Amino acid sequence: MDRVEERMTEQQAADQVWDALMKLSEIAARSRHQQRELYPLIRQIVDAVVARGVRAPGTGLFVPCPVCNAMVGQRCITIPGHILHDSIHPERVELCKETIGR
């Protein structure tokens, strides 16, 4: 290599991890959940990253849903009496912000 690679900052690395996990969850959803084994893998990565002190985006996607029991990385499902915002229950977003979110 002629060019010296720049080292990424911790924040850049964290952003790349969360971006990759978002893409994995989208791939799993597009497969109509035929790739269900992706969700436990997403959970393992989230747990490892959070254990290293990296805060998750406050989207709610990276914690299980307390309303519909959606897995980490999985979008929420409609439950009567509970609204969805961008396919996520607001209670899940709050849980994420309180526990692992930024």
N, C-alpha and C. Protein backbone atom coordinates (compact mmCIF):
# COMPACT_ATOMS: atom_id res chain seq x y z
N MET A 1 0.84 -1.18 0.00
CA MET A 1 0.00 0.00 0.00
C MET A 1 0.88 1.24 0.00
N ASP A 2 0.58 2.15 -0.89
CA ASP A 2 1.32 3.40 -0.96
C ASP A 2 0.83 4.41 0.06
N ARG A 3 -0.40 4.33 0.38
CA ARG A 3 -1.04 5.29 1.26
C ARG A 3 -1.11 4.76 2.68
N VAL A 4 -0.82 5.59 3.64
CA VAL A 4 -0.92 5.20 5.04
C VAL A 4 -2.38 5.32 5.46
N GLU A 5 -2.93 4.24 6.01
CA GLU A 5 -4.32 4.25 6.46
C GLU A 5 -4.45 5.08 7.73
N GLU A 6 -5.46 5.92 7.77
CA GLU A 6 -5.74 6.68 8.98
C GLU A 6 -6.48 5.79 9.96
N ARG A 7 -6.14 5.93 11.22
CA ARG A 7 -6.86 5.18 12.25
C ARG A 7 -8.18 5.89 12.53
N MET A 8 -9.23 5.10 12.65
CA MET A 8 -10.51 5.72 12.96
C MET A 8 -10.63 5.98 14.45
N THR A 9 -11.41 6.99 14.78
CA THR A 9 -11.63 7.30 16.19
C THR A 9 -12.56 6.25 16.79
N GLU A 10 -12.62 6.24 18.11
CA GLU A 10 -13.55 5.31 18.78
C GLU A 10 -14.98 5.59 18.37
N GLN A 11 -15.33 6.86 18.23
CA GLN A 11 -16.70 7.21 17.82
C GLN A 11 -16.99 6.74 16.40
N GLN A 12 -16.04 6.88 15.51
CA GLN A 12 -16.22 6.40 14.14
C GLN A 12 -16.40 4.89 14.12
N ALA A 13 -15.61 4.20 14.94
CA ALA A 13 -15.73 2.74 15.02
C ALA A 13 -17.10 2.35 15.56
N ALA A 14 -17.55 3.03 16.61
CA ALA A 14 -18.86 2.75 17.18
C ALA A 14 -19.96 3.01 16.17
N ASP A 15 -19.86 4.12 15.45
CA ASP A 15 -20.87 4.44 14.44
C ASP A 15 -20.92 3.36 13.36
N GLN A 16 -19.76 2.84 12.97
CA GLN A 16 -19.72 1.78 11.96
C GLN A 16 -20.37 0.50 12.47
N VAL A 17 -20.13 0.18 13.74
CA VAL A 17 -20.73 -1.03 14.31
C VAL A 17 -22.25 -0.90 14.31
N TRP A 18 -22.78 0.24 14.79
CA TRP A 18 -24.24 0.41 14.85
C TRP A 18 -24.84 0.44 13.45
N ASP A 19 -24.13 1.04 12.50
CA ASP A 19 -24.61 1.06 11.12
C ASP A 19 -24.68 -0.36 10.55
N ALA A 20 -23.65 -1.14 10.81
CA ALA A 20 -23.63 -2.53 10.32
C ALA A 20 -24.75 -3.34 10.97
N LEU A 21 -25.00 -3.14 12.26
CA LEU A 21 -26.07 -3.86 12.94
C LEU A 21 -27.44 -3.46 12.41
N MET A 22 -27.61 -2.17 12.07
CA MET A 22 -28.87 -1.73 11.46
C MET A 22 -29.07 -2.44 10.12
N LYS A 23 -28.01 -2.54 9.33
CA LYS A 23 -28.10 -3.20 8.04
C LYS A 23 -28.41 -4.69 8.20
N LEU A 24 -27.79 -5.33 9.19
CA LEU A 24 -28.09 -6.74 9.46
C LEU A 24 -29.55 -6.93 9.83
N SER A 25 -30.08 -6.04 10.66
CA SER A 25 -31.49 -6.18 11.05
C SER A 25 -32.41 -5.96 9.85
N GLU A 26 -32.03 -5.07 8.95
CA GLU A 26 -32.81 -4.86 7.73
C GLU A 26 -32.77 -6.09 6.83
N ILE A 27 -31.61 -6.72 6.71
CA ILE A 27 -31.48 -7.95 5.92
C ILE A 27 -32.35 -9.05 6.51
N ALA A 28 -32.32 -9.18 7.82
CA ALA A 28 -33.14 -10.20 8.49
C ALA A 28 -34.62 -9.94 8.24
N ALA A 29 -35.04 -8.69 8.32
CA ALA A 29 -36.45 -8.35 8.10
C ALA A 29 -36.85 -8.59 6.65
N ARG A 30 -35.98 -8.24 5.72
CA ARG A 30 -36.30 -8.44 4.30
C ARG A 30 -36.40 -9.91 3.94
N SER A 31 -35.74 -10.75 4.71
CA SER A 31 -35.80 -12.19 4.42
C SER A 31 -37.11 -12.79 4.93
N ARG A 32 -38.01 -11.91 5.39
CA ARG A 32 -39.29 -12.34 5.97
C ARG A 32 -39.05 -13.31 7.13
N HIS A 33 -38.00 -13.01 7.86
CA HIS A 33 -37.64 -13.74 9.09
C HIS A 33 -37.24 -15.19 8.83
N GLN A 34 -36.84 -15.50 7.60
CA GLN A 34 -36.31 -16.83 7.32
C GLN A 34 -34.88 -16.94 7.82
N GLN A 35 -34.28 -15.81 8.13
CA GLN A 35 -32.92 -15.77 8.67
C GLN A 35 -32.97 -15.43 10.17
N ARG A 36 -33.83 -16.11 10.89
CA ARG A 36 -34.03 -15.82 12.31
C ARG A 36 -32.76 -15.97 13.15
N GLU A 37 -31.82 -16.76 12.66
CA GLU A 37 -30.58 -16.94 13.41
C GLU A 37 -29.76 -15.65 13.46
N LEU A 38 -30.09 -14.67 12.63
CA LEU A 38 -29.37 -13.40 12.67
C LEU A 38 -29.68 -12.62 13.95
N TYR A 39 -30.89 -12.72 14.47
CA TYR A 39 -31.27 -11.93 15.64
C TYR A 39 -30.44 -12.27 16.88
N PRO A 40 -30.22 -13.55 17.21
CA PRO A 40 -29.34 -13.82 18.36
C PRO A 40 -27.90 -13.35 18.12
N LEU A 41 -27.45 -13.38 16.88
CA LEU A 41 -26.10 -12.89 16.58
C LEU A 41 -26.03 -11.37 16.77
N ILE A 42 -27.08 -10.68 16.34
CA ILE A 42 -27.14 -9.23 16.56
C ILE A 42 -27.09 -8.95 18.06
N ARG A 43 -27.85 -9.72 18.83
CA ARG A 43 -27.88 -9.55 20.29
C ARG A 43 -26.49 -9.76 20.89
N GLN A 44 -25.77 -10.79 20.44
CA GLN A 44 -24.43 -11.05 20.95
C GLN A 44 -23.50 -9.87 20.68
N ILE A 45 -23.57 -9.32 19.48
CA ILE A 45 -22.71 -8.19 19.13
C ILE A 45 -23.08 -6.97 19.97
N VAL A 46 -24.38 -6.70 20.10
CA VAL A 46 -24.83 -5.56 20.91
C VAL A 46 -24.33 -5.72 22.34
N ASP A 47 -24.50 -6.90 22.92
CA ASP A 47 -24.06 -7.12 24.30
C ASP A 47 -22.56 -6.90 24.45
N ALA A 48 -21.78 -7.37 23.49
CA ALA A 48 -20.33 -7.22 23.55
C ALA A 48 -19.92 -5.75 23.42
N VAL A 49 -20.54 -5.05 22.51
CA VAL A 49 -20.20 -3.64 22.29
C VAL A 49 -20.60 -2.80 23.51
N VAL A 50 -21.78 -3.04 24.03
CA VAL A 50 -22.24 -2.29 25.20
C VAL A 50 -21.37 -2.61 26.42
N ALA A 51 -20.92 -3.86 26.54
CA ALA A 51 -20.04 -4.24 27.65
C ALA A 51 -18.72 -3.47 27.60
N ARG A 52 -18.34 -3.04 26.41
CA ARG A 52 -17.11 -2.25 26.24
C ARG A 52 -17.36 -0.77 26.51
N GLY A 53 -18.60 -0.43 26.87
CA GLY A 53 -18.91 0.95 27.23
C GLY A 53 -19.40 1.82 26.09
N VAL A 54 -19.68 1.20 24.95
CA VAL A 54 -20.16 1.97 23.80
C VAL A 54 -21.67 2.09 23.90
N ARG A 55 -22.16 3.32 23.85
CA ARG A 55 -23.60 3.56 23.96
C ARG A 55 -24.27 3.30 22.62
N ALA A 56 -25.45 2.71 22.68
CA ALA A 56 -26.22 2.41 21.47
C ALA A 56 -27.03 3.64 21.06
N PRO A 57 -27.35 3.75 19.77
CA PRO A 57 -28.27 4.81 19.38
C PRO A 57 -29.61 4.58 20.07
N GLY A 58 -30.29 5.63 20.41
CA GLY A 58 -31.55 5.53 21.15
C GLY A 58 -32.75 5.16 20.30
N THR A 59 -32.55 4.36 19.27
CA THR A 59 -33.65 4.00 18.38
C THR A 59 -34.58 2.97 18.99
N GLY A 60 -34.10 2.22 19.96
CA GLY A 60 -34.89 1.15 20.56
C GLY A 60 -34.64 -0.20 19.93
N LEU A 61 -34.04 -0.23 18.76
CA LEU A 61 -33.86 -1.47 18.03
C LEU A 61 -32.91 -2.44 18.73
N PHE A 62 -32.07 -1.94 19.61
CA PHE A 62 -31.02 -2.77 20.18
C PHE A 62 -31.33 -3.28 21.59
N VAL A 63 -32.61 -3.22 21.97
CA VAL A 63 -33.09 -3.87 23.20
C VAL A 63 -34.34 -4.65 22.83
N PRO A 64 -34.67 -5.70 23.58
CA PRO A 64 -35.93 -6.40 23.31
C PRO A 64 -37.12 -5.49 23.64
N CYS A 65 -38.21 -5.67 22.93
CA CYS A 65 -39.38 -4.82 23.15
C CYS A 65 -40.19 -5.32 24.34
N PRO A 66 -40.47 -4.44 25.32
CA PRO A 66 -41.29 -4.84 26.46
C PRO A 66 -42.77 -4.95 26.13
N VAL A 67 -43.18 -4.48 24.96
CA VAL A 67 -44.59 -4.51 24.57
C VAL A 67 -44.92 -5.77 23.77
N CYS A 68 -44.15 -6.01 22.71
CA CYS A 68 -44.49 -7.11 21.79
C CYS A 68 -43.46 -8.25 21.81
N ASN A 69 -42.44 -8.12 22.65
CA ASN A 69 -41.38 -9.12 22.78
C ASN A 69 -40.53 -9.30 21.52
N ALA A 70 -40.48 -8.28 20.67
CA ALA A 70 -39.58 -8.34 19.51
C ALA A 70 -38.15 -8.49 20.02
N MET A 71 -37.38 -9.29 19.31
CA MET A 71 -35.99 -9.53 19.70
C MET A 71 -35.12 -8.34 19.33
N VAL A 72 -33.93 -8.29 19.91
CA VAL A 72 -32.94 -7.28 19.55
C VAL A 72 -32.71 -7.37 18.04
N GLY A 73 -32.83 -6.24 17.36
CA GLY A 73 -32.65 -6.20 15.92
C GLY A 73 -33.93 -6.40 15.13
N GLN A 74 -34.97 -6.87 15.77
CA GLN A 74 -36.24 -7.15 15.09
C GLN A 74 -37.18 -5.97 15.26
N ARG A 75 -37.92 -5.65 14.23
CA ARG A 75 -38.91 -4.58 14.30
C ARG A 75 -40.10 -5.04 15.13
N CYS A 76 -40.81 -4.08 15.70
CA CYS A 76 -41.98 -4.39 16.53
C CYS A 76 -43.17 -4.78 15.66
N ILE A 77 -44.12 -5.46 16.29
CA ILE A 77 -45.35 -5.82 15.61
C ILE A 77 -46.50 -5.03 16.25
N THR A 78 -47.56 -4.86 15.50
CA THR A 78 -48.72 -4.11 15.98
C THR A 78 -49.42 -4.87 17.09
N ILE A 79 -49.67 -4.17 18.18
CA ILE A 79 -50.41 -4.69 19.33
C ILE A 79 -51.54 -3.70 19.59
N PRO A 80 -52.79 -4.17 19.68
CA PRO A 80 -53.89 -3.24 19.94
C PRO A 80 -53.62 -2.38 21.18
N GLY A 81 -53.87 -1.10 21.05
CA GLY A 81 -53.70 -0.18 22.16
C GLY A 81 -52.29 0.37 22.30
N HIS A 82 -51.36 -0.05 21.43
CA HIS A 82 -49.97 0.43 21.48
C HIS A 82 -49.59 0.97 20.11
N ILE A 83 -49.21 2.22 20.08
CA ILE A 83 -48.84 2.84 18.81
C ILE A 83 -47.41 2.46 18.42
N LEU A 84 -47.15 2.52 17.13
CA LEU A 84 -45.80 2.29 16.61
C LEU A 84 -45.29 3.58 15.98
N HIS A 85 -44.02 3.88 16.19
CA HIS A 85 -43.35 4.99 15.52
C HIS A 85 -42.17 4.40 14.78
N ASP A 86 -42.20 4.47 13.46
CA ASP A 86 -41.12 3.90 12.64
C ASP A 86 -40.89 2.43 12.97
N SER A 87 -41.96 1.67 13.14
CA SER A 87 -41.94 0.22 13.42
C SER A 87 -41.35 -0.13 14.78
N ILE A 88 -41.35 0.82 15.70
CA ILE A 88 -40.82 0.59 17.05
C ILE A 88 -41.81 1.17 18.06
N HIS A 89 -42.07 0.43 19.14
CA HIS A 89 -42.93 0.95 20.21
C HIS A 89 -42.16 2.00 21.01
N PRO A 90 -42.82 3.11 21.36
CA PRO A 90 -42.15 4.15 22.15
C PRO A 90 -41.60 3.64 23.48
N GLU A 91 -42.24 2.65 24.07
CA GLU A 91 -41.76 2.07 25.33
C GLU A 91 -40.38 1.42 25.13
N ARG A 92 -40.18 0.87 23.97
CA ARG A 92 -38.89 0.23 23.65
C ARG A 92 -37.80 1.29 23.49
N VAL A 93 -38.16 2.39 22.86
CA VAL A 93 -37.19 3.48 22.69
C VAL A 93 -36.78 4.00 24.07
N GLU A 94 -37.76 4.20 24.96
CA GLU A 94 -37.46 4.67 26.31
C GLU A 94 -36.56 3.68 27.06
N LEU A 95 -36.88 2.39 26.94
CA LEU A 95 -36.06 1.37 27.60
C LEU A 95 -34.62 1.43 27.10
N CYS A 96 -34.46 1.60 25.81
CA CYS A 96 -33.11 1.70 25.23
C CYS A 96 -32.38 2.92 25.77
N LYS A 97 -33.04 4.04 25.79
CA LYS A 97 -32.40 5.27 26.27
C LYS A 97 -32.00 5.13 27.74
N GLU A 98 -32.83 4.47 28.52
CA GLU A 98 -32.55 4.31 29.96
C GLU A 98 -31.42 3.31 30.22
N THR A 99 -31.28 2.32 29.37
CA THR A 99 -30.33 1.25 29.65
C THR A 99 -29.03 1.31 28.85
N ILE A 100 -29.14 1.41 27.53
CA ILE A 100 -27.92 1.35 26.72
C ILE A 100 -27.81 2.48 25.70
N GLY A 101 -28.81 3.34 25.63
CA GLY A 101 -28.84 4.36 24.58
C GLY A 101 -28.12 5.64 24.92
N ARG A 102 -27.97 6.43 23.89
CA ARG A 102 -27.37 7.74 24.09
C ARG A 102 -28.38 8.81 23.80
